[in-house]
Protein backbone atom coordinates (compact mmCIF):
# COMPACT_ATOMS: atom_id res chain seq x y z
CA UNK A 1 0.00 0.00 0.00
CA UNK A 2 2.64 2.50 1.05
CA UNK A 3 4.78 1.83 -2.03
CA UNK A 4 1.87 2.75 -4.33
CA UNK A 5 1.75 6.24 -2.81
CA UNK A 6 5.34 7.03 -3.79
CA UNK A 7 4.68 7.32 -7.55
CA UNK A 8 1.97 10.02 -7.35
CA UNK A 9 4.01 11.96 -4.78
CA UNK A 10 7.07 11.76 -7.03
CA UNK A 11 5.02 12.97 -9.99
CA UNK A 12 3.68 15.92 -8.00
CA UNK A 13 7.11 16.72 -6.56
CA UNK A 14 8.74 16.55 -10.00
CA UNK A 15 6.05 18.81 -11.48
CA UNK A 16 6.39 21.38 -8.71
CA UNK A 17 10.21 21.30 -8.97
CA UNK A 18 10.01 21.74 -12.74
CA UNK A 19 7.75 24.77 -12.27
CA UNK A 20 10.22 26.16 -9.73
CA UNK A 21 13.09 25.61 -12.14
CA UNK A 22 11.22 27.42 -14.91
CA UNK A 23 10.52 30.31 -12.54
CA UNK A 24 14.21 30.50 -11.57
CA UNK A 25 15.17 30.51 -15.25
CA UNK A 26 12.77 33.38 -15.89
CA UNK A 27 14.24 35.26 -12.92
CA UNK A 28 17.75 34.72 -14.30
CA UNK A 29 16.63 36.28 -17.60
CA UNK A 30 14.99 39.16 -15.74
CA UNK A 31 18.20 39.74 -13.80
CA UNK A 32 20.29 39.79 -16.97
CA UNK A 33 17.80 42.21 -18.52
CA UNK A 34 17.92 44.45 -15.46
CA UNK A 35 21.73 44.54 -15.54
CA UNK A 36 21.72 45.38 -19.26
CA UNK A 37 19.10 48.10 -18.81
CA UNK A 38 21.09 49.56 -15.94
CA UNK A 39 24.21 49.58 -18.12
CA UNK A 40 22.36 51.71 -20.66
CA UNK A 41 21.13 54.13 -18.02
CA UNK A 42 17.54 52.90 -17.88
CA UNK A 43 17.18 51.12 -14.52
CA UNK A 44 14.33 48.72 -14.06
CA UNK A 45 12.75 49.69 -10.76
CA UNK A 46 11.25 46.80 -8.87
CA UNK A 47 13.38 44.04 -10.34
CA UNK A 48 14.56 43.03 -6.87
CA UNK A 49 10.94 42.88 -5.68
CA UNK A 50 10.04 40.38 -8.39
CA UNK A 51 13.17 38.36 -7.68
CA UNK A 52 12.35 38.28 -3.97
CA UNK A 53 8.81 37.00 -4.51
CA UNK A 54 9.68 34.39 -7.13
CA UNK A 55 12.90 33.02 -5.64
CA UNK A 56 11.25 32.28 -2.30
CA UNK A 57 8.53 30.27 -4.02
CA UNK A 58 11.09 28.56 -6.24
CA UNK A 59 13.18 27.41 -3.29
CA UNK A 60 10.08 26.00 -1.63
CA UNK A 61 9.23 24.13 -4.84
CA UNK A 62 12.35 21.97 -4.57
CA UNK A 63 11.76 20.82 -0.98
CA UNK A 64 9.24 18.02 -1.71
CA UNK A 65 11.48 16.41 -4.33
CA UNK A 66 14.50 16.73 -2.07
CA UNK A 67 12.55 15.05 0.74
CA UNK A 68 11.49 12.10 -1.41
CA UNK A 69 14.97 11.68 -2.86
CA UNK A 70 16.59 11.74 0.57
CA UNK A 71 18.59 14.71 -0.63
CA UNK A 72 18.74 16.69 2.59
CA UNK A 73 22.10 16.92 4.30
CA UNK A 74 22.90 13.91 6.45
CA UNK A 75 26.00 13.58 8.56
CA UNK A 76 26.64 9.87 8.75
CA UNK A 77 30.19 9.83 10.06
CA UNK A 78 29.17 7.91 13.18
CA UNK A 79 25.92 6.26 12.14
CA UNK A 80 27.41 4.36 9.17
CA UNK A 81 29.19 2.07 11.62
CA UNK A 82 26.10 1.34 13.70
CA UNK A 83 24.00 -1.82 13.26
CA UNK A 84 21.21 -1.58 10.69
CA UNK A 85 18.32 -1.45 13.23
CA UNK A 86 19.91 1.52 14.99
CA UNK A 87 20.53 3.27 11.65
CA UNK A 88 16.86 2.72 10.74
CA UNK A 89 15.81 4.17 14.10
CA UNK A 90 18.04 7.21 13.50
CA UNK A 91 16.49 7.62 10.03
CA UNK A 92 13.03 7.44 11.56
CA UNK A 93 13.87 10.10 14.16
CA UNK A 94 15.43 12.34 11.49
CA UNK A 95 12.36 11.88 9.27
CA UNK A 96 10.11 12.83 12.18
CA UNK A 97 12.17 15.93 12.91
CA UNK A 98 12.05 16.92 9.24
CA UNK A 99 8.27 16.52 9.31
CA UNK A 100 8.11 18.86 12.31
CA UNK A 101 10.28 21.41 10.48
CA UNK A 102 8.09 21.14 7.37
CA UNK A 103 4.90 21.62 9.40
CA UNK A 104 6.28 24.65 11.24
CA UNK A 105 7.58 26.34 8.08
CA UNK A 106 4.33 25.66 6.23
CA UNK A 107 2.29 26.98 9.14
CA UNK A 108 4.39 30.15 9.44
CA UNK A 109 4.31 30.71 5.66
CA UNK A 110 0.52 30.49 5.78
CA UNK A 111 0.32 32.86 8.75
CA UNK A 112 2.67 35.29 7.01
CA UNK A 113 0.58 35.18 3.84
CA UNK A 114 -2.65 35.79 5.74
CA UNK A 115 -1.03 38.67 7.59
CA UNK A 116 0.26 40.21 4.35
CA UNK A 117 -3.20 39.81 2.80
CA UNK A 118 -5.11 41.28 5.74
CA UNK A 119 -2.75 44.26 6.02
CA UNK A 120 -2.68 44.72 2.24
CA UNK A 121 1.11 44.76 2.31
CA UNK A 122 2.76 45.41 -1.04
CA UNK A 123 6.22 45.89 -2.52
CA UNK A 124 7.66 49.40 -2.53
CA UNK A 125 8.04 50.22 -6.22
CA UNK A 126 5.66 47.96 -8.12
CA UNK A 127 3.05 47.71 -5.36
CA UNK A 128 2.76 43.97 -5.91
CA UNK A 129 0.79 42.26 -3.13
CA UNK A 130 3.21 40.37 -0.89
CA UNK A 131 0.71 37.60 -0.18
CA UNK A 132 1.26 36.29 -3.74
CA UNK A 133 4.77 35.23 -2.81
CA UNK A 134 3.58 33.62 0.41
CA UNK A 135 0.81 31.75 -1.40
CA UNK A 136 3.21 30.58 -4.13
CA UNK A 137 5.49 29.25 -1.35
CA UNK A 138 2.68 27.79 0.75
CA UNK A 139 1.46 25.30 -1.86
CA UNK A 140 4.84 23.59 -2.36
CA UNK A 141 5.30 23.60 1.42
CA UNK A 142 2.01 21.70 1.78
CA UNK A 143 3.33 19.12 -0.65
CA UNK A 144 6.56 19.03 1.35
CA UNK A 145 4.58 18.18 4.49
CA UNK A 146 2.87 15.32 2.65
CA UNK A 147 6.21 14.06 1.34
CA UNK A 148 7.83 14.34 4.77
CA UNK A 149 4.95 12.43 6.37
CA UNK A 150 5.18 9.78 3.66
CA UNK A 151 8.94 9.38 4.16
CA UNK A 152 8.48 9.09 7.91
CA UNK A 153 5.85 6.36 7.48
CA UNK A 154 8.11 4.68 4.94
CA UNK A 155 10.96 4.69 7.46
CA UNK A 156 8.64 3.42 10.20
CA UNK A 157 7.85 0.45 7.95
CA UNK A 158 11.57 -0.20 7.66
CA UNK A 159 11.97 0.92 4.06
CA UNK A 160 15.07 2.74 2.93
CA UNK A 161 15.04 4.23 -0.56
CA UNK A 162 17.30 2.58 -3.08
CA UNK A 163 19.05 4.75 -5.69
CA UNK A 164 16.62 3.42 -8.32
CA UNK A 165 13.67 4.63 -6.25
CA UNK A 166 14.82 8.20 -5.97
CA UNK A 167 13.12 10.66 -8.31
CA UNK A 168 14.93 11.46 -11.53
């Protein structure tokens, strides 16, 4: 049962990461354009505001895929020498802690977005609503919570991802 849930989560995580990558590519082009326009004496006011909103959402879009792939930083200097059951227990604890982190960051992103919406906060130059950036970050964070919960359950069942199971 649990193994059948991995494929749809991987598909969603890959899709969200691809969207984040496209957004980062667009921001790179915007940045190059802003530098060129500045070089010709025609600054593009508000370029940093757009970058700020989009990059935050883009970073959040990679978290679910990283969670499923087991791509977060792991310091295994001491745990590699431990017996397999202890390593599995350490993986389970780490997965649980990552789930807690994902829940807290998702919760605070949602609270920040609601606050920005209720106060009608906007960027300085372009007057873009700030809640857009929070909302664009909140959705990938929700997926991250689902992926983190899935990985924790997977670890609780004793499964460790093989290189072939990690998302491409």
